[in-house]
N, C-alpha and C. Protein backbone atom coordinates (compact mmCIF):
# COMPACT_ATOMS: atom_id res chain seq x y z
N MET A 1 0.90 -1.26 0.06
CA MET A 1 -0.39 -0.33 -0.03
C MET A 1 0.68 1.01 -0.46
N LEU A 2 0.42 2.41 -0.72
CA LEU A 2 1.57 3.38 -1.10
C LEU A 2 1.34 4.50 0.17
N PHE A 3 1.54 4.98 0.97
CA PHE A 3 1.29 6.08 1.84
C PHE A 3 2.16 7.26 0.96
N VAL A 4 1.28 8.00 0.81
CA VAL A 4 1.72 9.47 0.57
C VAL A 4 1.31 10.59 0.66
N ARG A 5 2.53 11.39 1.10
CA ARG A 5 2.23 12.39 2.28
C ARG A 5 2.10 13.90 1.35
N THR A 6 0.67 14.36 1.58
CA THR A 6 0.02 15.44 1.02
C THR A 6 0.51 16.55 1.43
N PHE A 7 1.17 16.92 1.77
CA PHE A 7 1.62 18.41 2.98
C PHE A 7 2.87 19.39 1.86
N THR A 8 2.26 20.34 1.77
CA THR A 8 2.81 21.27 0.63
C THR A 8 4.35 22.12 1.41
N ARG A 9 5.17 21.87 1.03
CA ARG A 9 6.84 22.58 1.80
C ARG A 9 6.59 23.72 1.05
N SER A 10 7.44 25.26 1.97
CA SER A 10 8.08 26.05 1.09
C SER A 10 9.60 25.65 1.12
N LEU A 11 10.04 26.13 0.01
CA LEU A 11 11.22 25.76 -0.31
C LEU A 11 11.50 27.49 -1.11
N VAL A 12 12.75 27.72 0.05
CA VAL A 12 13.62 29.23 -0.36
C VAL A 12 14.83 28.25 -1.50
N LEU A 13 14.50 28.47 -2.88
CA LEU A 13 15.27 28.73 -3.83
C LEU A 13 15.29 29.39 -5.13
N GLY A 14 16.35 29.90 -5.89
CA GLY A 14 15.84 30.79 -6.94
C GLY A 14 15.03 30.15 -7.91
N ALA A 15 14.70 29.99 -8.44
CA ALA A 15 13.37 29.44 -8.38
C ALA A 15 12.13 28.45 -7.97
N ALA A 16 10.59 28.69 -8.46
CA ALA A 16 10.17 27.93 -7.93
C ALA A 16 10.19 25.96 -8.69
N VAL A 17 9.87 25.37 -7.30
CA VAL A 17 9.73 23.87 -7.67
C VAL A 17 8.66 23.44 -7.84
N GLY A 18 8.32 22.68 -9.10
CA GLY A 18 6.77 22.16 -9.05
C GLY A 18 6.57 20.83 -8.41
N PHE A 19 5.59 20.88 -7.94
CA PHE A 19 4.83 19.24 -6.87
C PHE A 19 4.54 18.52 -8.15
N VAL A 20 4.69 16.88 -7.84
CA VAL A 20 4.25 15.74 -8.70
C VAL A 20 3.20 15.64 -7.83
N ALA A 21 2.20 14.99 -8.72
CA ALA A 21 0.90 14.63 -8.56
C ALA A 21 0.99 13.61 -9.02
N PHE A 22 0.03 12.86 -7.77
CA PHE A 22 0.04 11.22 -8.18
C PHE A 22 -1.28 11.23 -8.23
N SER A 23 -1.91 10.25 -8.67
CA SER A 23 -3.21 10.03 -8.84
C SER A 23 -3.87 9.58 -7.62
N GLY A 24 -5.15 10.83 -7.97
CA GLY A 24 -6.20 10.32 -6.49
C GLY A 24 -5.81 11.48 -5.71
N THR A 25 -4.45 12.55 -5.99
CA THR A 25 -3.89 12.87 -4.74
C THR A 25 -3.98 14.87 -5.48
N ALA A 26 -4.37 15.68 -4.27
CA ALA A 26 -4.20 16.99 -5.28
C ALA A 26 -2.62 17.54 -5.20
N SER A 27 -1.58 17.39 -4.13
CA SER A 27 -0.32 17.56 -4.79
C SER A 27 0.22 16.33 -3.90
N ALA A 28 1.70 16.59 -3.78
CA ALA A 28 2.89 15.74 -3.43
C ALA A 28 4.01 16.58 -3.57
N GLU A 29 4.83 15.55 -2.66
CA GLU A 29 6.31 16.46 -2.82
C GLU A 29 7.13 16.01 -4.06
N LEU A 30 8.26 17.04 -4.66
CA LEU A 30 8.90 16.25 -5.71
C LEU A 30 9.80 15.09 -5.57
N VAL A 31 9.87 14.89 -6.53
CA VAL A 31 10.57 13.23 -6.86
C VAL A 31 12.21 13.41 -6.32
N LYS A 32 12.69 12.66 -5.94
CA LYS A 32 14.24 13.43 -5.28
C LYS A 32 15.14 11.72 -6.40
N ARG A 33 15.95 12.24 -7.29
CA ARG A 33 16.70 11.59 -7.68
C ARG A 33 18.47 11.32 -7.04
N SER A 34 18.94 10.51 -6.30
CA SER A 34 19.89 10.66 -5.24
C SER A 34 21.40 10.70 -6.76
N GLY A 35 21.97 10.35 -6.14
CA GLY A 35 23.65 10.03 -6.61
C GLY A 35 23.90 8.91 -7.48
N SER A 36 22.83 8.08 -6.85
CA SER A 36 23.53 6.53 -6.94
C SER A 36 22.13 6.35 -8.80
N GLY A 37 21.67 7.36 -8.83
CA GLY A 37 20.49 7.48 -9.89
C GLY A 37 19.16 6.92 -9.69
N LEU A 38 18.88 6.67 -8.42
CA LEU A 38 17.60 6.21 -7.93
C LEU A 38 16.67 7.31 -7.78
N CYS A 39 15.05 7.28 -8.60
CA CYS A 39 13.95 7.94 -8.11
C CYS A 39 13.48 7.97 -6.95
N HIS A 40 13.50 8.58 -6.37
CA HIS A 40 12.65 8.28 -4.75
C HIS A 40 11.82 9.32 -4.65
N PRO A 41 10.34 8.80 -4.90
CA PRO A 41 9.49 9.36 -4.88
C PRO A 41 8.78 9.16 -2.93
N PRO A 42 8.13 10.58 -2.63
CA PRO A 42 7.44 10.33 -1.02
C PRO A 42 7.45 8.94 -0.44
N GLU A 43 6.92 8.22 -1.07
CA GLU A 43 6.38 6.71 -0.41
C GLU A 43 7.91 5.55 -0.57
N SER A 44 8.84 6.06 -1.22
CA SER A 44 9.91 4.93 -0.63
C SER A 44 10.71 5.38 0.54
N SER A 45 10.99 4.68 1.22
CA SER A 45 11.67 4.18 2.46
C SER A 45 12.60 5.44 2.89
N TYR A 46 13.92 5.90 1.43
CA TYR A 46 15.10 6.45 1.28
C TYR A 46 15.25 8.02 0.89
N TYR A 47 13.64 8.15 1.12
CA TYR A 47 12.82 9.75 0.50
C TYR A 47 13.67 10.74 1.53
N GLU A 48 13.17 10.54 3.02
CA GLU A 48 13.58 11.28 3.87
C GLU A 48 14.94 11.29 4.28
N ARG A 49 16.17 10.49 4.04
CA ARG A 49 17.30 10.42 4.00
C ARG A 49 18.22 10.38 2.68
N THR A 50 17.47 10.68 1.70
CA THR A 50 18.17 11.45 0.53
C THR A 50 17.94 13.26 0.59
N LYS A 51 19.92 13.52 0.79
CA LYS A 51 19.43 14.44 0.88
C LYS A 51 20.56 16.05 -0.12
N ASN A 52 20.89 15.28 -1.03
CA ASN A 52 21.70 15.46 -2.02
C ASN A 52 20.95 15.05 -3.46
N TYR A 53 20.09 15.45 -3.67
CA TYR A 53 19.48 15.24 -5.18
C TYR A 53 19.40 16.21 -6.35
N THR A 54 18.73 15.79 -7.19
CA THR A 54 18.56 16.34 -8.39
C THR A 54 16.77 16.44 -8.16
N PRO A 55 16.13 17.24 -8.22
CA PRO A 55 15.04 17.09 -8.24
C PRO A 55 14.20 17.37 -9.53
N TYR A 56 12.57 16.29 -9.77
CA TYR A 56 12.00 16.27 -10.34
C TYR A 56 10.64 16.59 -10.24
N ASP A 57 9.58 17.08 -11.34
CA ASP A 57 8.60 17.36 -10.76
C ASP A 57 7.64 16.35 -11.06
N THR A 58 7.67 15.09 -11.76
CA THR A 58 7.00 13.76 -11.71
C THR A 58 8.02 12.70 -12.38
N LEU A 59 7.82 11.33 -11.32
CA LEU A 59 8.28 10.13 -11.35
C LEU A 59 9.09 9.97 -12.66
N GLN A 60 7.69 10.19 -13.77
CA GLN A 60 8.15 9.49 -15.13
C GLN A 60 9.54 10.56 -15.73
N ALA A 61 9.12 11.84 -15.26
CA ALA A 61 10.93 13.08 -15.86
C ALA A 61 11.81 12.36 -14.73
N CYS A 62 11.69 11.62 -14.34
CA CYS A 62 13.27 11.42 -13.54
C CYS A 62 12.95 10.25 -14.02
N LEU A 63 12.54 9.36 -14.25
CA LEU A 63 13.27 7.81 -15.31
C LEU A 63 13.34 8.28 -17.03
N ASN A 64 12.55 9.08 -17.47
CA ASN A 64 13.46 9.59 -18.40
C ASN A 64 14.55 10.17 -18.80
N ASP A 65 15.65 10.67 -17.65
CA ASP A 65 16.50 11.30 -17.30
C ASP A 65 18.15 10.11 -16.90
N GLY A 66 17.20 9.08 -17.24
CA GLY A 66 17.70 7.90 -16.95
C GLY A 66 17.82 7.12 -15.41
N GLY A 67 16.68 7.73 -14.55
CA GLY A 67 16.90 7.23 -13.48
C GLY A 67 16.47 5.74 -13.16
N ARG A 68 15.96 5.47 -12.15
CA ARG A 68 15.85 3.94 -11.76
C ARG A 68 15.02 4.01 -10.41
N LEU A 69 13.83 3.09 -10.28
CA LEU A 69 12.44 3.01 -9.58
C LEU A 69 13.71 2.26 -8.23
N PRO A 70 13.73 3.06 -7.04
CA PRO A 70 14.10 2.14 -6.10
C PRO A 70 13.34 0.87 -5.60
N LYS A 71 14.30 -0.24 -5.36
CA LYS A 71 13.45 -1.79 -4.87
C LYS A 71 12.68 -1.68 -3.81
N GLY A 72 11.41 -2.28 -4.04
CA GLY A 72 10.21 -1.89 -3.47
C GLY A 72 9.20 -1.02 -3.60
N VAL A 73 9.63 -0.02 -4.50
CA VAL A 73 8.68 1.07 -4.82
C VAL A 73 8.57 0.97 -6.72
N SER A 74 6.91 0.51 -6.53
CA SER A 74 6.47 0.96 -8.04
C SER A 74 5.31 1.97 -8.33
N ALA A 75 5.49 2.56 -9.37
CA ALA A 75 4.67 3.41 -10.43
C ALA A 75 2.91 3.67 -9.32
N PRO A 76 2.10 4.65 -9.01
CA PRO A 76 1.05 4.60 -8.02
C PRO A 76 0.11 4.42 -9.16
N SER A 77 -0.98 3.58 -8.50
CA SER A 77 -1.93 2.89 -9.51
C SER A 77 -2.48 3.26 -10.71
N GLY A 78 -2.56 2.88 -12.26
CA GLY A 78 -3.22 4.15 -12.68
C GLY A 78 -2.08 4.63 -13.50
N ASP A 79 -1.21 4.76 -13.16
CA ASP A 79 0.18 5.80 -13.84
C ASP A 79 0.62 4.95 -14.71
N ARG A 80 0.98 5.15 -15.51
CA ARG A 80 2.20 4.22 -16.41
C ARG A 80 3.58 5.02 -16.80
N VAL A 81 4.25 4.29 -15.73
CA VAL A 81 5.53 4.62 -16.44
C VAL A 81 6.42 3.85 -17.28
N VAL A 82 7.42 4.62 -18.24
CA VAL A 82 8.36 3.77 -18.78
C VAL A 82 9.47 4.77 -18.83
N ALA A 83 10.66 3.56 -18.72
CA ALA A 83 11.56 4.42 -18.34
C ALA A 83 12.41 4.09 -19.76
N ARG A 84 13.77 5.22 -19.70
CA ARG A 84 14.03 5.19 -21.65
C ARG A 84 14.99 4.73 -21.32
N ALA A 85 15.31 3.50 -22.14
CA ALA A 85 16.32 2.50 -22.51
C ALA A 85 17.54 3.79 -22.39
N PRO A 86 18.84 3.52 -21.85
CA PRO A 86 19.92 3.94 -22.03
C PRO A 86 20.56 4.03 -23.30
N SER A 87 21.12 5.53 -24.15
CA SER A 87 21.82 5.08 -25.28
C SER A 87 22.97 4.42 -25.47
N SER A 88 23.34 4.11 -26.67
CA SER A 88 24.54 3.37 -27.21
C SER A 88 25.45 4.13 -26.30
N SER A 89 25.33 5.59 -26.50
CA SER A 89 26.50 6.38 -26.04
C SER A 89 26.57 6.29 -24.79
N GLU A 90 25.47 6.22 -23.86
CA GLU A 90 25.76 6.03 -22.70
C GLU A 90 26.31 4.86 -22.01
N LEU A 91 25.89 3.91 -23.16
CA LEU A 91 26.58 2.05 -22.42
C LEU A 91 27.71 2.05 -22.68
N ALA A 92 28.40 2.89 -23.27
CA ALA A 92 29.82 2.60 -23.98
C ALA A 92 30.75 2.94 -22.79
N GLY A 93 31.97 2.11 -22.31
CA GLY A 93 32.60 2.18 -21.26
C GLY A 93 31.89 2.63 -19.85
N ARG A 94 31.12 1.53 -19.82
CA ARG A 94 29.91 1.24 -18.56
C ARG A 94 30.86 0.47 -17.81
N GLU A 95 31.18 -0.44 -18.91
CA GLU A 95 31.55 -2.06 -17.94
C GLU A 95 32.88 -1.59 -16.65
N TYR A 96 32.93 -2.72 -15.72
CA TYR A 96 33.28 -2.20 -14.24
C TYR A 96 34.95 -2.33 -14.76
N SER A 97 35.66 -1.30 -14.30
CA SER A 97 37.19 -1.64 -14.09
C SER A 97 37.52 -1.28 -13.00
N ARG A 98 38.44 -1.89 -12.50
CA ARG A 98 39.27 -1.44 -11.41
C ARG A 98 40.03 0.09 -11.39
N SER A 99 40.40 0.41 -12.36
CA SER A 99 40.65 1.64 -12.97
C SER A 99 39.96 3.14 -12.39
N ALA A 100 38.65 2.73 -12.75
CA ALA A 100 37.69 3.80 -12.33
C ALA A 100 37.57 3.96 -11.03
N PHE A 101 38.20 3.47 -10.24
CA PHE A 101 38.34 3.89 -8.79
C PHE A 101 39.59 4.58 -8.02
N GLY A 102 40.88 4.24 -9.49
CA GLY A 102 41.93 4.83 -9.29
C GLY A 102 43.11 3.81 -9.70
N HIS A 103 44.09 4.19 -9.86
CA HIS A 103 45.25 3.57 -9.75
C HIS A 103 46.02 3.28 -8.39
N GLY A 104 46.07 1.97 -7.97
CA GLY A 104 46.70 1.82 -6.73
C GLY A 104 46.29 2.75 -5.58
N TRP A 105 47.05 2.39 -4.34
CA TRP A 105 46.69 3.15 -3.30
C TRP A 105 46.67 4.78 -2.98
N ASP A 106 45.80 5.52 -2.54
CA ASP A 106 46.38 6.97 -2.35
C ASP A 106 46.95 6.93 -1.22
N ASP A 107 47.66 8.15 -0.82
CA ASP A 107 48.32 8.85 0.10
C ASP A 107 47.21 10.12 0.33
N ALA A 108 46.35 10.32 0.42
CA ALA A 108 45.44 11.47 0.73
C ALA A 108 46.14 12.56 1.74
N ASP A 109 46.64 12.23 2.66
CA ASP A 109 47.00 13.11 3.94
C ASP A 109 48.67 13.76 3.48
N GLY A 110 49.13 12.87 2.65
CA GLY A 110 50.96 13.63 2.36
C GLY A 110 51.59 12.64 2.98
N ASP A 111 51.47 11.84 4.00
CA ASP A 111 52.06 11.59 4.98
C ASP A 111 53.83 10.52 4.62
N CYS A 112 53.03 9.84 3.09
CA CYS A 112 53.97 8.53 2.74
C CYS A 112 53.58 7.29 3.08
N GLN A 113 52.39 6.97 3.97
CA GLN A 113 51.51 5.93 4.36
C GLN A 113 50.44 5.95 3.40
N ASP A 114 50.32 5.01 2.80
CA ASP A 114 49.06 5.00 2.07
C ASP A 114 47.74 4.62 2.23
N ALA A 115 46.81 4.29 1.26
CA ALA A 115 45.75 3.84 2.10
C ALA A 115 45.85 2.30 3.01
N ARG A 116 47.12 1.84 2.12
CA ARG A 116 47.67 0.07 2.33
C ARG A 116 47.72 -0.31 3.64
N ALA A 117 49.11 1.37 3.63
CA ALA A 117 49.81 0.81 4.98
C ALA A 117 48.54 1.18 6.51
N GLU A 118 47.95 2.39 6.15
CA GLU A 118 47.67 2.88 6.80
C GLU A 118 46.65 1.61 7.55
N ALA A 119 45.56 0.78 6.87
CA ALA A 119 44.40 -0.14 7.05
C ALA A 119 45.71 -1.15 7.94
N LEU A 120 46.91 -1.45 7.13
CA LEU A 120 48.05 -2.44 8.17
C LEU A 120 47.81 -2.19 9.42
N ILE A 121 48.55 -0.36 9.50
CA ILE A 121 48.64 -0.26 10.79
C ILE A 121 47.28 -0.10 11.99
N ALA A 122 46.34 0.48 11.20
CA ALA A 122 45.06 0.65 12.26
C ALA A 122 44.26 -1.05 12.62
N ASN A 123 44.89 -2.12 12.03
CA ASN A 123 43.89 -3.26 12.45
C ASN A 123 44.85 -4.20 12.76
N SER A 124 46.46 -4.07 13.29
CA SER A 124 47.77 -4.52 13.68
C SER A 124 47.03 -4.82 15.34
N THR A 125 47.28 -5.65 15.27
CA THR A 125 47.04 -5.49 17.09
C THR A 125 48.18 -5.54 17.79
N THR A 126 49.74 -4.98 17.34
CA THR A 126 50.96 -4.89 17.81
C THR A 126 51.17 -3.99 17.07
N PRO A 127 52.12 -3.14 18.02
CA PRO A 127 52.66 -2.03 16.75
C PRO A 127 53.25 -2.76 15.24
N VAL A 128 53.42 -2.69 14.80
CA VAL A 128 53.88 -2.85 13.57
C VAL A 128 55.16 -1.95 13.03
N ARG A 129 56.02 -3.01 12.25
CA ARG A 129 57.40 -2.36 11.96
C ARG A 129 57.87 -1.93 10.34
N PHE A 130 58.25 -1.03 10.26
CA PHE A 130 58.30 -0.29 9.13
C PHE A 130 59.63 -0.86 8.22
N ALA A 131 59.77 -0.77 6.81
CA ALA A 131 60.93 -0.96 6.37
C ALA A 131 61.95 -0.59 6.35
N ASP A 132 61.91 1.29 7.03
CA ASP A 132 62.74 2.01 7.13
C ASP A 132 62.11 3.43 8.11
N ASN A 133 62.82 4.13 8.27
CA ASN A 133 63.08 5.03 9.02
C ASN A 133 62.13 6.10 8.63
N LYS A 134 61.56 5.91 7.47
CA LYS A 134 60.66 7.21 6.71
C LYS A 134 59.31 6.21 7.13
N ARG A 135 59.11 5.15 7.81
CA ARG A 135 57.87 4.78 8.21
C ARG A 135 57.08 4.42 6.88
N CYS A 136 57.27 4.44 5.77
CA CYS A 136 56.64 4.65 4.44
C CYS A 136 55.62 3.44 4.83
N ARG A 137 55.90 2.04 4.16
CA ARG A 137 55.77 0.75 3.97
C ARG A 137 55.97 -0.31 5.29
N VAL A 138 54.77 -0.94 5.57
CA VAL A 138 54.64 -1.87 6.69
C VAL A 138 55.47 -2.89 6.01
N VAL A 139 56.37 -3.52 6.89
CA VAL A 139 56.49 -5.20 7.09
C VAL A 139 55.84 -6.23 8.03
N THR A 140 56.23 -5.94 9.02
CA THR A 140 55.22 -7.09 10.15
C THR A 140 54.90 -6.32 10.93
N GLY A 141 53.51 -7.08 11.38
CA GLY A 141 52.59 -6.95 12.43
C GLY A 141 51.97 -7.90 12.87
N ARG A 142 50.99 -7.66 13.29
CA ARG A 142 49.90 -9.31 13.85
C ARG A 142 48.51 -8.83 13.19
N TRP A 143 48.45 -9.28 12.48
CA TRP A 143 46.77 -9.75 12.03
C TRP A 143 46.15 -10.69 12.26
N VAL A 144 45.31 -10.60 12.34
CA VAL A 144 44.27 -11.52 12.42
C VAL A 144 43.06 -12.43 11.60
N SER A 145 43.24 -12.94 10.57
CA SER A 145 42.45 -13.49 9.34
C SER A 145 41.10 -13.17 10.00
N PRO A 146 39.94 -12.58 9.46
CA PRO A 146 38.39 -12.56 9.80
C PRO A 146 37.56 -14.16 8.61
N PHE A 147 38.32 -14.57 8.09
CA PHE A 147 37.87 -15.56 7.54
C PHE A 147 38.20 -16.74 8.09
N THR A 148 39.86 -16.94 8.99
CA THR A 148 39.93 -18.45 9.37
C THR A 148 40.56 -18.33 10.95
N GLY A 149 40.75 -17.05 11.11
CA GLY A 149 41.23 -16.99 12.81
C GLY A 149 43.12 -17.15 12.54
N GLU A 150 42.96 -17.48 11.50
CA GLU A 150 44.32 -17.03 11.68
C GLU A 150 45.76 -16.08 11.85
N VAL A 151 46.78 -16.33 12.86
CA VAL A 151 47.24 -14.73 13.00
C VAL A 151 48.33 -14.62 11.55
N ILE A 152 48.45 -13.83 11.10
CA ILE A 152 49.68 -13.03 10.14
C ILE A 152 50.45 -12.31 10.13
N GLN A 153 52.00 -12.21 10.47
CA GLN A 153 52.53 -11.46 11.07
C GLN A 153 53.55 -10.96 10.14
N ASN A 154 53.42 -11.20 8.81
CA ASN A 154 54.28 -10.93 7.34
C ASN A 154 53.22 -9.96 6.41
N ALA A 155 53.49 -8.57 6.54
CA ALA A 155 52.50 -7.78 5.20
C ALA A 155 52.39 -8.35 4.25
N SER A 156 53.71 -8.83 3.81
CA SER A 156 53.70 -9.07 2.16
C SER A 156 52.51 -10.35 2.12
N SER A 157 52.02 -11.23 3.30
CA SER A 157 51.19 -11.94 2.64
C SER A 157 49.65 -11.75 3.40
N ILE A 158 48.98 -10.07 2.95
CA ILE A 158 48.16 -9.49 3.47
C ILE A 158 47.60 -8.88 2.35
N ASP A 159 46.42 -9.03 1.99
CA ASP A 159 45.70 -8.15 0.98
C ASP A 159 45.16 -6.91 1.44
N ILE A 160 44.66 -5.62 0.86
CA ILE A 160 43.52 -5.37 1.79
C ILE A 160 42.38 -5.01 0.82
N ASP A 161 41.41 -5.64 1.34
CA ASP A 161 40.26 -5.80 0.67
C ASP A 161 39.10 -4.65 0.92
N HIS A 162 37.82 -5.08 0.15
CA HIS A 162 37.18 -3.78 0.15
C HIS A 162 36.10 -4.38 0.70
N VAL A 163 35.76 -3.98 2.34
CA VAL A 163 34.25 -4.64 2.74
C VAL A 163 33.14 -4.60 1.39
N TYR A 164 32.60 -3.20 1.34
CA TYR A 164 31.73 -3.48 0.39
C TYR A 164 32.16 -3.11 -0.97
N PRO A 165 32.50 -4.61 -2.33
CA PRO A 165 33.16 -4.53 -3.28
C PRO A 165 33.11 -3.52 -3.96
N LEU A 166 33.89 -2.80 -5.48
CA LEU A 166 33.84 -1.97 -6.01
C LEU A 166 33.14 -2.19 -6.83
N ALA A 167 33.09 -3.85 -7.04
CA ALA A 167 32.23 -4.18 -8.64
C ALA A 167 30.35 -4.17 -8.44
N HIS A 168 30.51 -4.20 -6.66
CA HIS A 168 29.20 -4.33 -6.30
C HIS A 168 29.12 -2.79 -6.28
N ALA A 169 29.95 -1.73 -5.95
CA ALA A 169 29.36 -0.07 -5.77
C ALA A 169 28.92 0.19 -7.24
N TRP A 170 29.85 -0.08 -8.14
CA TRP A 170 29.96 0.32 -9.45
C TRP A 170 28.45 -0.24 -10.45
N GLU A 171 27.78 -1.29 -9.94
CA GLU A 171 26.53 -1.62 -10.53
C GLU A 171 25.31 -1.00 -9.43
N ARG A 172 25.67 -0.43 -8.74
CA ARG A 172 24.85 -0.33 -7.57
C ARG A 172 24.51 1.57 -7.78
N GLY A 173 25.47 2.34 -8.80
CA GLY A 173 25.27 3.53 -8.77
C GLY A 173 26.59 4.23 -9.20
N ALA A 174 27.87 3.81 -8.61
CA ALA A 174 29.12 4.43 -8.37
C ALA A 174 29.75 4.55 -9.77
N SER A 175 28.99 4.05 -11.19
CA SER A 175 29.33 4.54 -12.26
C SER A 175 29.19 5.71 -12.68
N ASP A 176 28.12 6.14 -11.87
CA ASP A 176 27.37 7.89 -12.13
C ASP A 176 28.48 8.73 -11.43
N TRP A 177 29.44 8.34 -10.27
CA TRP A 177 30.13 9.24 -9.67
C TRP A 177 30.91 10.07 -10.29
N PRO A 178 31.62 11.15 -9.18
CA PRO A 178 32.94 11.40 -10.74
C PRO A 178 34.13 10.66 -10.03
N LYS A 179 35.21 10.60 -10.48
CA LYS A 179 35.73 9.94 -10.07
C LYS A 179 36.49 10.42 -9.31
N ALA A 180 36.89 11.46 -8.74
CA ALA A 180 37.26 11.45 -7.51
C ALA A 180 36.74 10.83 -6.05
N LYS A 181 35.08 11.00 -6.55
CA LYS A 181 34.33 10.60 -5.65
C LYS A 181 34.46 8.88 -5.31
N ARG A 182 35.20 8.42 -6.50
CA ARG A 182 35.20 6.70 -6.55
C ARG A 182 36.44 6.46 -5.97
N GLU A 183 37.35 7.33 -6.27
CA GLU A 183 38.60 7.28 -5.52
C GLU A 183 38.95 7.16 -4.28
N ARG A 184 37.94 8.43 -3.48
CA ARG A 184 37.87 8.87 -2.35
C ARG A 184 37.38 6.75 -1.69
N PHE A 185 36.23 6.60 -2.40
CA PHE A 185 35.31 5.60 -1.99
C PHE A 185 36.43 4.20 -1.96
N ALA A 186 37.07 4.23 -3.06
CA ALA A 186 37.77 2.74 -2.78
C ALA A 186 39.29 2.86 -1.65
N ASN A 187 39.65 4.01 -1.49
CA ASN A 187 40.48 4.43 -0.02
C ASN A 187 40.09 4.80 1.22
N ASP A 188 38.38 4.90 1.30
CA ASP A 188 37.66 4.75 2.56
C ASP A 188 38.42 3.95 3.86
N PRO A 189 39.16 4.39 4.68
CA PRO A 189 40.01 3.33 5.74
C PRO A 189 38.51 2.32 6.32
N ILE A 190 37.12 3.22 6.17
CA ILE A 190 36.01 2.69 7.20
C ILE A 190 35.69 1.22 6.32
N ASN A 191 36.07 1.39 4.86
CA ASN A 191 35.73 0.00 4.00
C ASN A 191 36.89 -1.09 3.62
N LEU A 192 37.81 -0.82 4.31
CA LEU A 192 39.16 -1.63 4.38
C LEU A 192 39.45 -2.91 4.97
N TRP A 193 39.49 -3.71 4.72
CA TRP A 193 40.37 -4.63 5.56
C TRP A 193 41.06 -5.74 5.12
N PRO A 194 42.08 -5.99 6.32
CA PRO A 194 43.62 -7.15 6.01
C PRO A 194 42.78 -8.61 5.64
N VAL A 195 43.07 -9.08 4.78
CA VAL A 195 42.83 -10.30 4.77
C VAL A 195 44.03 -11.14 4.22
N GLU A 196 44.13 -12.40 4.41
CA GLU A 196 44.77 -13.79 3.82
C GLU A 196 45.14 -13.53 1.74
N ALA A 197 46.14 -12.77 1.52
CA ALA A 197 46.26 -12.55 0.55
C ALA A 197 45.71 -14.23 -0.71
N SER A 198 46.44 -15.28 0.02
CA SER A 198 46.50 -16.36 -0.46
C SER A 198 45.15 -16.94 -0.81
N LEU A 199 44.37 -16.45 0.22
CA LEU A 199 42.60 -16.82 0.35
C LEU A 199 41.89 -15.83 -0.33
N ASN A 200 42.05 -14.83 -0.39
CA ASN A 200 41.61 -13.82 -1.26
C ASN A 200 41.70 -13.95 -2.45
N ARG A 201 42.62 -14.28 -3.04
CA ARG A 201 42.93 -14.55 -4.40
C ARG A 201 42.40 -15.64 -5.26
N SER A 202 42.16 -16.77 -4.09
CA SER A 202 41.48 -18.10 -4.41
C SER A 202 40.20 -18.29 -4.31
N THR A 203 39.74 -17.07 -3.73
CA THR A 203 38.26 -17.01 -3.60
C THR A 203 37.20 -16.66 -4.28
N ILE A 204 36.20 -17.11 -5.20
CA ILE A 204 35.24 -16.00 -6.04
C ILE A 204 34.23 -15.60 -5.42
N THR A 205 33.96 -14.63 -5.24
CA THR A 205 33.02 -13.26 -5.00
C THR A 205 31.66 -13.77 -5.15
N ILE A 206 30.47 -14.26 -5.24
CA ILE A 206 29.28 -14.35 -5.73
C ILE A 206 28.38 -13.46 -5.52
């Protein structure tokens, strides 16, 4: 069952924003297109949480601009929503590539410890040892495998994996992000964890 909010919101913008009318209602809030390309009408569970968005007067207009309906949201009864198929130029180069998220690990704060080194330092249960006095490259520490519980002490036996896989993020909207945002995502310490290199490289993620 769709719950449509029918209150009027005053928007202090440079220009007036129209309100989208759903079947059987006098007025409703605008449709929000998120950065991931999802068109959130008011009944979407993510509507209020979507703060950064492109506004549309109608759900159809959002879909026509390449947007998609969120999971569990359908067009109001009686409305005929037709999503525009992407053009061949839009589809070109849209396959996932690791390089779309940057090349290698970033050193965002310029301290010579890149995202890999910082993830190793943050997750080691003992103080790490560096390759030299520059303290850039980690060589040993103590890491516990999240998969097997094995203790690993050699940094070369560690891969830094993404908790939320980059390929999955690409399919869920990261393909529409600016490259700088994708690079920040790929190097975000919250999304990084050390795993056994041998196990990580032999496991197929489905």
